[in-house]
Amino acid sequence: MVRNRYILPLVNIVGLVLVLVMNGLANALPINGVTTGGVSDSYGNLFVPAGFTFSIWGVIYLLLTAFAVYQWRAARQANDIFVTHIGPWFFISCLANAGWILAWHYRLLPLSLAIMLVLLASLLTIYLRLGIGMRRATRGQKWLVYVPFSVYLGWITVATIANVSAVLTSIQWGQWGLSSQFWTVAVISVGVLIALAMAFRKGDLFFCLVVVWALLGILLKRMGDTVTPDRAVEIAAIAGMALVGLAVLLLLARKRVYHSIPT
């Protein structure tokens, strides 16, 4: 019975190692002769952030490594609620992450979007099963479990929007007669609304910080583009950062991080 407790944690570690190796090979080889960012640039759209923004993956993988260590040590406790509630979903997210890299690098964009949705769904399932913002947790559990999945989910939410934009660009979508600027401002607004909902319903400061980081990347990308600068997108990004930033300050001021704000 004791050995059985370590099966799922071990599977999760194997899944994480797979993701780390795949991400390393994606840019070291690179897979299919193109880097991950290179594929993004070839389907350029106004929602794509500046290259430095993707450095957040280093933070995400560091946090996930911390989680992997935590869940291995927590396996000693048969009733550890966090490991039990996550179940197989972390391993599923790892498979989706690795699969997305292959689909993306081989420019199978519709498939990459389908896999991205699986990744998003698995992380959202983990988030909800953990009861983040609703269930009491120690400081250590918040840093080693809540924060990794808040940051990961935040970035994959943004990445899913970017993936949708890339697919639509690749098929030369007619945009229903509306401009690229309109749709970019619209999806930025959606991202901001999601972040505000996470702030006020879950007290999730870290999800919000990821969205601010992504908006900063979009802003600087547009400001640095002398060929197709776009003031409307820049204003939307600035306004979004201001709104989400205010929500972050409110969470800190009211000490409601990972606790919903009462209305």
C-alpha atoms as a PDB file:
ATOM      1  CA  MET A   1       0.000   0.000   0.000  1.00  0.00           C
ATOM      2  CA  VAL A   2       2.808   2.409   0.844  1.00  0.00           C
ATOM      3  CA  ARG A   3       4.413   1.795  -2.551  1.00  0.00           C
ATOM      4  CA  ASN A   4       1.128   2.564  -4.301  1.00  0.00           C
ATOM      5  CA  ARG A   5       1.186   6.064  -2.837  1.00  0.00           C
ATOM      6  CA  TYR A   6       4.264   6.850  -4.887  1.00  0.00           C
ATOM      7  CA  ILE A   7       2.953   5.611  -8.244  1.00  0.00           C
ATOM      8  CA  LEU A   8       1.070   8.786  -9.205  1.00  0.00           C
ATOM      9  CA  PRO A   9       3.785  11.163  -7.923  1.00  0.00           C
ATOM     10  CA  LEU A  10       6.353   9.174  -9.915  1.00  0.00           C
ATOM     11  CA  VAL A  11       4.178   9.306 -13.042  1.00  0.00           C
ATOM     12  CA  ASN A  12       3.848  13.066 -12.570  1.00  0.00           C
ATOM     13  CA  ILE A  13       7.620  13.461 -12.322  1.00  0.00           C
ATOM     14  CA  VAL A  14       8.091  11.415 -15.503  1.00  0.00           C
ATOM     15  CA  GLY A  15       5.544  13.651 -17.233  1.00  0.00           C
ATOM     16  CA  LEU A  16       7.344  16.802 -16.121  1.00  0.00           C
ATOM     17  CA  VAL A  17      10.703  15.450 -17.295  1.00  0.00           C
ATOM     18  CA  LEU A  18       9.119  14.698 -20.685  1.00  0.00           C
ATOM     19  CA  VAL A  19       7.908  18.288 -20.941  1.00  0.00           C
ATOM     20  CA  LEU A  20      11.293  19.719 -19.957  1.00  0.00           C
ATOM     21  CA  VAL A  21      13.102  17.537 -22.505  1.00  0.00           C
ATOM     22  CA  MET A  22      10.650  18.367 -25.290  1.00  0.00           C
ATOM     23  CA  ASN A  23      10.887  22.087 -24.606  1.00  0.00           C
ATOM     24  CA  GLY A  24      14.663  21.893 -24.541  1.00  0.00           C
ATOM     25  CA  LEU A  25      14.801  20.035 -27.852  1.00  0.00           C
ATOM     26  CA  ALA A  26      12.238  22.391 -29.400  1.00  0.00           C
ATOM     27  CA  ASN A  27      14.756  25.211 -29.511  1.00  0.00           C
ATOM     28  CA  ALA A  28      18.076  23.368 -29.182  1.00  0.00           C
ATOM     29  CA  LEU A  29      17.675  21.228 -32.317  1.00  0.00           C
ATOM     30  CA  PRO A  30      15.284  22.940 -33.214  1.00  0.00           C
ATOM     31  CA  ILE A  31      12.392  20.588 -34.012  1.00  0.00           C
ATOM     32  CA  ASN A  32      11.507  20.714 -37.724  1.00  0.00           C
ATOM     33  CA  GLY A  33      14.247  23.305 -38.185  1.00  0.00           C
ATOM     34  CA  VAL A  34      12.332  26.149 -36.561  1.00  0.00           C
ATOM     35  CA  THR A  35      12.090  27.526 -33.031  1.00  0.00           C
ATOM     36  CA  THR A  36       8.819  27.908 -31.164  1.00  0.00           C
ATOM     37  CA  GLY A  37       9.057  31.685 -31.473  1.00  0.00           C
ATOM     38  CA  GLY A  38       9.888  31.376 -35.149  1.00  0.00           C
ATOM     39  CA  VAL A  39       6.580  29.651 -35.807  1.00  0.00           C
ATOM     40  CA  SER A  40       4.763  32.384 -33.866  1.00  0.00           C
ATOM     41  CA  ASP A  41       6.441  35.112 -35.906  1.00  0.00           C
ATOM     42  CA  SER A  42       5.479  33.445 -39.185  1.00  0.00           C
ATOM     43  CA  TYR A  43       1.801  33.740 -38.231  1.00  0.00           C
ATOM     44  CA  GLY A  44       2.196  37.212 -36.834  1.00  0.00           C
ATOM     45  CA  ASN A  45      -0.868  38.940 -35.443  1.00  0.00           C
ATOM     46  CA  LEU A  46      -1.400  41.911 -33.168  1.00  0.00           C
ATOM     47  CA  PHE A  47      -1.918  39.719 -30.082  1.00  0.00           C
ATOM     48  CA  VAL A  48       1.542  38.127 -30.191  1.00  0.00           C
ATOM     49  CA  PRO A  49       3.711  39.584 -27.365  1.00  0.00           C
ATOM     50  CA  ALA A  50       7.393  40.508 -27.518  1.00  0.00           C
ATOM     51  CA  GLY A  51       9.886  37.643 -27.444  1.00  0.00           C
ATOM     52  CA  PHE A  52      11.112  38.313 -23.904  1.00  0.00           C
ATOM     53  CA  THR A  53       7.606  37.599 -22.598  1.00  0.00           C
ATOM     54  CA  PHE A  54       8.085  33.886 -23.249  1.00  0.00           C
ATOM     55  CA  SER A  55      10.827  33.777 -20.619  1.00  0.00           C
ATOM     56  CA  ILE A  56       7.960  33.141 -18.204  1.00  0.00           C
ATOM     57  CA  TRP A  57       8.266  29.473 -19.197  1.00  0.00           C
ATOM     58  CA  GLY A  58      11.437  29.319 -17.117  1.00  0.00           C
ATOM     59  CA  VAL A  59       9.457  30.509 -14.090  1.00  0.00           C
ATOM     60  CA  ILE A  60       6.651  28.050 -14.815  1.00  0.00           C
ATOM     61  CA  TYR A  61       8.984  25.063 -15.051  1.00  0.00           C
ATOM     62  CA  LEU A  62      10.794  26.090 -11.878  1.00  0.00           C
ATOM     63  CA  LEU A  63       7.465  26.293 -10.045  1.00  0.00           C
ATOM     64  CA  LEU A  64       6.318  22.946 -11.453  1.00  0.00           C
ATOM     65  CA  THR A  65       9.575  21.363 -10.320  1.00  0.00           C
ATOM     66  CA  ALA A  66       8.889  22.686  -6.819  1.00  0.00           C
ATOM     67  CA  PHE A  67       5.408  21.160  -7.010  1.00  0.00           C
ATOM     68  CA  ALA A  68       6.846  17.822  -8.180  1.00  0.00           C
ATOM     69  CA  VAL A  69       9.130  17.722  -5.146  1.00  0.00           C
ATOM     70  CA  TYR A  70       6.233  18.655  -2.843  1.00  0.00           C
ATOM     71  CA  GLN A  71       3.886  15.969  -4.169  1.00  0.00           C
ATOM     72  CA  TRP A  72       6.617  13.316  -3.875  1.00  0.00           C
ATOM     73  CA  ARG A  73       7.231  14.188  -0.253  1.00  0.00           C
ATOM     74  CA  ALA A  74       3.503  14.495   0.411  1.00  0.00           C
ATOM     75  CA  ALA A  75       2.994  10.930  -0.857  1.00  0.00           C
ATOM     76  CA  ARG A  76       4.015   9.753   2.607  1.00  0.00           C
ATOM     77  CA  GLN A  77       0.626  10.998   3.750  1.00  0.00           C
ATOM     78  CA  ALA A  78      -2.051   8.787   2.254  1.00  0.00           C
ATOM     79  CA  ASN A  79      -4.694  11.468   2.743  1.00  0.00           C
ATOM     80  CA  ASP A  80      -2.856  14.482   1.319  1.00  0.00           C
ATOM     81  CA  ILE A  81      -5.797  16.352  -0.153  1.00  0.00           C
ATOM     82  CA  PHE A  82      -3.845  18.201  -2.834  1.00  0.00           C
ATOM     83  CA  VAL A  83      -2.165  15.169  -4.386  1.00  0.00           C
ATOM     84  CA  THR A  84      -5.437  13.224  -4.193  1.00  0.00           C
ATOM     85  CA  HIS A  85      -7.499  15.943  -5.857  1.00  0.00           C
ATOM     86  CA  ILE A  86      -5.042  16.533  -8.697  1.00  0.00           C
ATOM     87  CA  GLY A  87      -5.179  12.860  -9.620  1.00  0.00           C
ATOM     88  CA  PRO A  88      -3.996  12.057 -13.174  1.00  0.00           C
ATOM     89  CA  TRP A  89      -4.688  15.546 -14.511  1.00  0.00           C
ATOM     90  CA  PHE A  90      -1.151  16.844 -14.124  1.00  0.00           C
ATOM     91  CA  PHE A  91       0.223  13.962 -16.182  1.00  0.00           C
ATOM     92  CA  ILE A  92      -2.444  14.620 -18.811  1.00  0.00           C
ATOM     93  CA  SER A  93      -1.358  18.265 -18.930  1.00  0.00           C
ATOM     94  CA  CYS A  94       2.243  17.153 -19.442  1.00  0.00           C
ATOM     95  CA  LEU A  95       1.290  14.937 -22.381  1.00  0.00           C
ATOM     96  CA  ALA A  96      -0.698  17.805 -23.885  1.00  0.00           C
ATOM     97  CA  ASN A  97       2.198  20.228 -23.421  1.00  0.00           C
ATOM     98  CA  ALA A  98       4.642  17.892 -25.170  1.00  0.00           C
ATOM     99  CA  GLY A  99       2.141  17.091 -27.915  1.00  0.00           C
ATOM    100  CA  TRP A 100       1.480  20.765 -28.549  1.00  0.00           C
ATOM    101  CA  ILE A 101       5.178  21.399 -29.163  1.00  0.00           C
ATOM    102  CA  LEU A 102       5.269  18.770 -31.908  1.00  0.00           C
ATOM    103  CA  ALA A 103       2.053  19.973 -33.552  1.00  0.00           C
ATOM    104  CA  TRP A 104       3.176  23.611 -33.386  1.00  0.00           C
ATOM    105  CA  HIS A 105       6.653  23.010 -34.775  1.00  0.00           C
ATOM    106  CA  TYR A 106       5.261  20.961 -37.654  1.00  0.00           C
ATOM    107  CA  ARG A 107       2.759  23.786 -38.316  1.00  0.00           C
ATOM    108  CA  LEU A 108      -0.292  21.617 -37.684  1.00  0.00           C
ATOM    109  CA  LEU A 109      -2.123  24.611 -36.296  1.00  0.00           C
ATOM    110  CA  PRO A 110      -5.676  23.213 -35.976  1.00  0.00           C
ATOM    111  CA  LEU A 111      -4.230  20.170 -34.180  1.00  0.00           C
ATOM    112  CA  SER A 112      -2.088  22.417 -31.980  1.00  0.00           C
ATOM    113  CA  LEU A 113      -5.209  24.354 -30.973  1.00  0.00           C
ATOM    114  CA  ALA A 114      -7.084  21.143 -30.129  1.00  0.00           C
ATOM    115  CA  ILE A 115      -4.169  19.998 -27.962  1.00  0.00           C
ATOM    116  CA  MET A 116      -3.918  23.438 -26.364  1.00  0.00           C
ATOM    117  CA  LEU A 117      -7.575  23.189 -25.373  1.00  0.00           C
ATOM    118  CA  VAL A 118      -6.860  19.814 -23.736  1.00  0.00           C
ATOM    119  CA  LEU A 119      -3.991  21.435 -21.825  1.00  0.00           C
ATOM    120  CA  LEU A 120      -6.204  24.344 -20.773  1.00  0.00           C
ATOM    121  CA  ALA A 121      -9.005  21.996 -19.698  1.00  0.00           C
ATOM    122  CA  SER A 122      -6.648  19.807 -17.658  1.00  0.00           C
ATOM    123  CA  LEU A 123      -5.172  22.814 -15.844  1.00  0.00           C
ATOM    124  CA  LEU A 124      -8.608  24.283 -15.210  1.00  0.00           C
ATOM    125  CA  THR A 125      -9.713  20.930 -13.797  1.00  0.00           C
ATOM    126  CA  ILE A 126      -6.705  20.896 -11.469  1.00  0.00           C
ATOM    127  CA  TYR A 127      -7.401  24.479 -10.427  1.00  0.00           C
ATOM    128  CA  LEU A 128     -11.024  23.765  -9.577  1.00  0.00           C
ATOM    129  CA  ARG A 129     -10.316  20.440  -7.854  1.00  0.00           C
ATOM    130  CA  LEU A 130      -7.706  22.121  -5.666  1.00  0.00           C
ATOM    131  CA  GLY A 131     -10.301  24.671  -4.598  1.00  0.00           C
ATOM    132  CA  ILE A 132      -7.832  27.524  -5.030  1.00  0.00           C
ATOM    133  CA  GLY A 133      -9.142  30.624  -3.324  1.00  0.00           C
ATOM    134  CA  MET A 134     -11.811  28.600  -1.537  1.00  0.00           C
ATOM    135  CA  ARG A 135      -9.983  25.944   0.503  1.00  0.00           C
ATOM    136  CA  ARG A 136      -7.685  26.665   3.417  1.00  0.00           C
ATOM    137  CA  ALA A 137      -4.016  25.882   2.852  1.00  0.00           C
ATOM    138  CA  THR A 138      -0.755  26.405   4.696  1.00  0.00           C
ATOM    139  CA  ARG A 139       1.737  28.971   3.450  1.00  0.00           C
ATOM    140  CA  GLY A 140       3.908  26.168   2.080  1.00  0.00           C
ATOM    141  CA  GLN A 141       0.988  24.605   0.217  1.00  0.00           C
ATOM    142  CA  LYS A 142       0.082  27.945  -1.311  1.00  0.00           C
ATOM    143  CA  TRP A 143       3.622  28.491  -2.612  1.00  0.00           C
ATOM    144  CA  LEU A 144       4.237  24.907  -3.746  1.00  0.00           C
ATOM    145  CA  VAL A 145       0.795  24.010  -5.102  1.00  0.00           C
ATOM    146  CA  TYR A 146      -1.411  27.059  -5.599  1.00  0.00           C
ATOM    147  CA  VAL A 147       1.180  29.399  -7.131  1.00  0.00           C
ATOM    148  CA  PRO A 148       2.539  26.920  -9.725  1.00  0.00           C
ATOM    149  CA  PHE A 149      -0.908  26.173 -11.104  1.00  0.00           C
ATOM    150  CA  SER A 150      -2.066  29.801 -10.918  1.00  0.00           C
ATOM    151  CA  VAL A 151       0.889  30.937 -13.020  1.00  0.00           C
ATOM    152  CA  TYR A 152       0.630  27.970 -15.389  1.00  0.00           C
ATOM    153  CA  LEU A 153      -3.121  28.393 -15.923  1.00  0.00           C
ATOM    154  CA  GLY A 154      -2.710  32.142 -16.371  1.00  0.00           C
ATOM    155  CA  TRP A 155      -0.127  31.736 -19.109  1.00  0.00           C
ATOM    156  CA  ILE A 156      -1.972  28.917 -20.896  1.00  0.00           C
ATOM    157  CA  THR A 157      -5.122  31.057 -20.892  1.00  0.00           C
ATOM    158  CA  VAL A 158      -3.170  33.759 -22.724  1.00  0.00           C
ATOM    159  CA  ALA A 159      -1.465  31.177 -24.964  1.00  0.00           C
ATOM    160  CA  THR A 160      -4.821  29.688 -25.955  1.00  0.00           C
ATOM    161  CA  ILE A 161      -6.041  33.086 -27.142  1.00  0.00           C
ATOM    162  CA  ALA A 162      -2.798  33.525 -29.098  1.00  0.00           C
ATOM    163  CA  ASN A 163      -3.179  30.032 -30.582  1.00  0.00           C
ATOM    164  CA  VAL A 164      -6.711  30.809 -31.744  1.00  0.00           C
ATOM    165  CA  SER A 165      -5.441  34.036 -33.327  1.00  0.00           C
ATOM    166  CA  ALA A 166      -2.664  32.144 -35.133  1.00  0.00           C
ATOM    167  CA  VAL A 167      -5.097  29.563 -36.515  1.00  0.00           C
ATOM    168  CA  LEU A 168      -7.450  32.271 -37.777  1.00  0.00           C
ATOM    169  CA  THR A 169      -4.530  34.113 -39.370  1.00  0.00           C
ATOM    170  CA  SER A 170      -3.307  30.929 -41.078  1.00  0.00           C
ATOM    171  CA  ILE A 171      -6.689  30.271 -42.707  1.00  0.00           C
ATOM    172  CA  GLN A 172      -7.005  33.936 -43.702  1.00  0.00           C
ATOM    173  CA  TRP A 173     -10.214  34.406 -41.767  1.00  0.00           C
ATOM    174  CA  GLY A 174     -12.321  37.266 -43.117  1.00  0.00           C
ATOM    175  CA  GLN A 175     -12.873  38.709 -39.611  1.00  0.00           C
ATOM    176  CA  TRP A 176     -16.554  39.320 -40.474  1.00  0.00           C
ATOM    177  CA  GLY A 177     -15.534  42.564 -42.110  1.00  0.00           C
ATOM    178  CA  LEU A 178     -14.003  43.964 -38.919  1.00  0.00           C
ATOM    179  CA  SER A 179     -10.387  45.063 -38.518  1.00  0.00           C
ATOM    180  CA  SER A 180      -7.540  43.167 -36.865  1.00  0.00           C
ATOM    181  CA  GLN A 181      -7.301  46.038 -34.394  1.00  0.00           C
ATOM    182  CA  PHE A 182     -10.922  45.540 -33.339  1.00  0.00           C
ATOM    183  CA  TRP A 183     -10.469  41.825 -32.705  1.00  0.00           C
ATOM    184  CA  THR A 184      -7.185  42.318 -30.851  1.00  0.00           C
ATOM    185  CA  VAL A 185      -8.763  44.897 -28.547  1.00  0.00           C
ATOM    186  CA  ALA A 186     -11.700  42.516 -28.072  1.00  0.00           C
ATOM    187  CA  VAL A 187      -9.548  39.549 -27.034  1.00  0.00           C
ATOM    188  CA  ILE A 188      -7.448  41.770 -24.770  1.00  0.00           C
ATOM    189  CA  SER A 189     -10.705  42.830 -23.106  1.00  0.00           C
ATOM    190  CA  VAL A 190     -11.695  39.189 -22.641  1.00  0.00           C
ATOM    191  CA  GLY A 191      -8.326  38.415 -21.057  1.00  0.00           C
ATOM    192  CA  VAL A 192      -8.659  41.380 -18.701  1.00  0.00           C
ATOM    193  CA  LEU A 193     -12.179  40.351 -17.668  1.00  0.00           C
ATOM    194  CA  ILE A 194     -10.982  36.815 -16.921  1.00  0.00           C
ATOM    195  CA  ALA A 195      -8.141  38.207 -14.789  1.00  0.00           C
ATOM    196  CA  LEU A 196     -10.525  40.470 -12.866  1.00  0.00           C
ATOM    197  CA  ALA A 197     -12.866  37.537 -12.257  1.00  0.00           C
ATOM    198  CA  MET A 198      -9.955  35.488 -10.901  1.00  0.00           C
ATOM    199  CA  ALA A 199      -8.958  38.389  -8.664  1.00  0.00           C
ATOM    200  CA  PHE A 200     -12.345  38.988  -7.108  1.00  0.00           C
ATOM    201  CA  ARG A 201     -13.652  35.415  -6.998  1.00  0.00           C
ATOM    202  CA  LYS A 202     -10.436  33.575  -6.150  1.00  0.00           C
ATOM    203  CA  GLY A 203      -8.103  36.265  -4.831  1.00  0.00           C
ATOM    204  CA  ASP A 204      -5.600  34.967  -7.382  1.00  0.00           C
ATOM    205  CA  LEU A 205      -2.884  37.607  -7.488  1.00  0.00           C
ATOM    206  CA  PHE A 206      -0.486  35.404  -9.445  1.00  0.00           C
ATOM    207  CA  PHE A 207      -2.912  34.715 -12.295  1.00  0.00           C
ATOM    208  CA  CYS A 208      -3.379  38.476 -12.560  1.00  0.00           C
ATOM    209  CA  LEU A 209       0.364  39.142 -12.622  1.00  0.00           C
ATOM    210  CA  VAL A 210       0.742  36.740 -15.546  1.00  0.00           C
ATOM    211  CA  VAL A 211      -1.909  38.639 -17.501  1.00  0.00           C
ATOM    212  CA  VAL A 212      -0.170  41.948 -16.740  1.00  0.00           C
ATOM    213  CA  TRP A 213       3.105  40.416 -17.975  1.00  0.00           C
ATOM    214  CA  ALA A 214       1.452  39.275 -21.214  1.00  0.00           C
ATOM    215  CA  LEU A 215      -0.126  42.697 -21.770  1.00  0.00           C
ATOM    216  CA  LEU A 216       3.244  44.349 -21.215  1.00  0.00           C
ATOM    217  CA  GLY A 217       4.698  42.073 -23.880  1.00  0.00           C
ATOM    218  CA  ILE A 218       1.919  42.976 -26.316  1.00  0.00           C
ATOM    219  CA  LEU A 219       2.378  46.694 -25.610  1.00  0.00           C
ATOM    220  CA  LEU A 220       6.133  46.661 -26.153  1.00  0.00           C
ATOM    221  CA  LYS A 221       5.772  44.515 -29.276  1.00  0.00           C
ATOM    222  CA  ARG A 222       3.391  47.037 -30.812  1.00  0.00           C
ATOM    223  CA  MET A 223       5.478  50.029 -29.729  1.00  0.00           C
ATOM    224  CA  GLY A 224       8.579  48.465 -31.236  1.00  0.00           C
ATOM    225  CA  ASP A 225       6.903  47.677 -34.549  1.00  0.00           C
ATOM    226  CA  THR A 226       7.653  50.639 -36.808  1.00  0.00           C
ATOM    227  CA  VAL A 227       6.022  48.917 -39.797  1.00  0.00           C
ATOM    228  CA  THR A 228       2.558  48.248 -38.361  1.00  0.00           C
ATOM    229  CA  PRO A 229       2.251  50.282 -35.153  1.00  0.00           C
ATOM    230  CA  ASP A 230      -1.229  50.316 -33.667  1.00  0.00           C
ATOM    231  CA  ARG A 231      -2.328  52.909 -31.146  1.00  0.00           C
ATOM    232  CA  ALA A 232      -5.676  51.251 -30.344  1.00  0.00           C
ATOM    233  CA  VAL A 233      -3.993  48.013 -29.279  1.00  0.00           C
ATOM    234  CA  GLU A 234      -1.409  49.949 -27.268  1.00  0.00           C
ATOM    235  CA  ILE A 235      -4.144  51.861 -25.423  1.00  0.00           C
ATOM    236  CA  ALA A 236      -6.072  48.633 -24.767  1.00  0.00           C
ATOM    237  CA  ALA A 237      -2.951  46.972 -23.347  1.00  0.00           C
ATOM    238  CA  ILE A 238      -2.199  49.968 -21.107  1.00  0.00           C
ATOM    239  CA  ALA A 239      -5.806  50.149 -19.884  1.00  0.00           C
ATOM    240  CA  GLY A 240      -5.812  46.403 -19.233  1.00  0.00           C
ATOM    241  CA  MET A 241      -2.586  46.583 -17.234  1.00  0.00           C
ATOM    242  CA  ALA A 242      -4.002  49.470 -15.206  1.00  0.00           C
ATOM    243  CA  LEU A 243      -7.235  47.650 -14.358  1.00  0.00           C
ATOM    244  CA  VAL A 244      -5.616  44.338 -13.477  1.00  0.00           C
ATOM    245  CA  GLY A 245      -2.830  46.174 -11.637  1.00  0.00           C
ATOM    246  CA  LEU A 246      -5.423  47.949  -9.492  1.00  0.00           C
ATOM    247  CA  ALA A 247      -7.019  44.594  -8.695  1.00  0.00           C
ATOM    248  CA  VAL A 248      -3.609  43.285  -7.608  1.00  0.00           C
ATOM    249  CA  LEU A 249      -3.075  46.296  -5.343  1.00  0.00           C
ATOM    250  CA  LEU A 250      -6.539  45.811  -3.853  1.00  0.00           C
ATOM    251  CA  LEU A 251      -5.794  42.169  -3.084  1.00  0.00           C
ATOM    252  CA  LEU A 252      -2.575  43.150  -1.349  1.00  0.00           C
ATOM    253  CA  ALA A 253      -4.143  46.054   0.545  1.00  0.00           C
ATOM    254  CA  ARG A 254      -7.025  43.948   1.820  1.00  0.00           C
ATOM    255  CA  LYS A 255      -4.828  40.883   2.396  1.00  0.00           C
ATOM    256  CA  ARG A 256      -7.156  38.764   0.300  1.00  0.00           C
ATOM    257  CA  VAL A 257      -4.594  36.828  -1.748  1.00  0.00           C
ATOM    258  CA  TYR A 258      -6.128  33.387  -2.439  1.00  0.00           C
ATOM    259  CA  HIS A 259      -9.311  34.437  -0.700  1.00  0.00           C
ATOM    260  CA  SER A 260     -12.318  35.762  -2.575  1.00  0.00           C
ATOM    261  CA  ILE A 261     -13.176  39.390  -1.906  1.00  0.00           C
ATOM    262  CA  PRO A 262     -16.618  39.683  -0.269  1.00  0.00           C
ATOM    263  CA  THR A 263     -19.067  41.827  -2.202  1.00  0.00           C
END
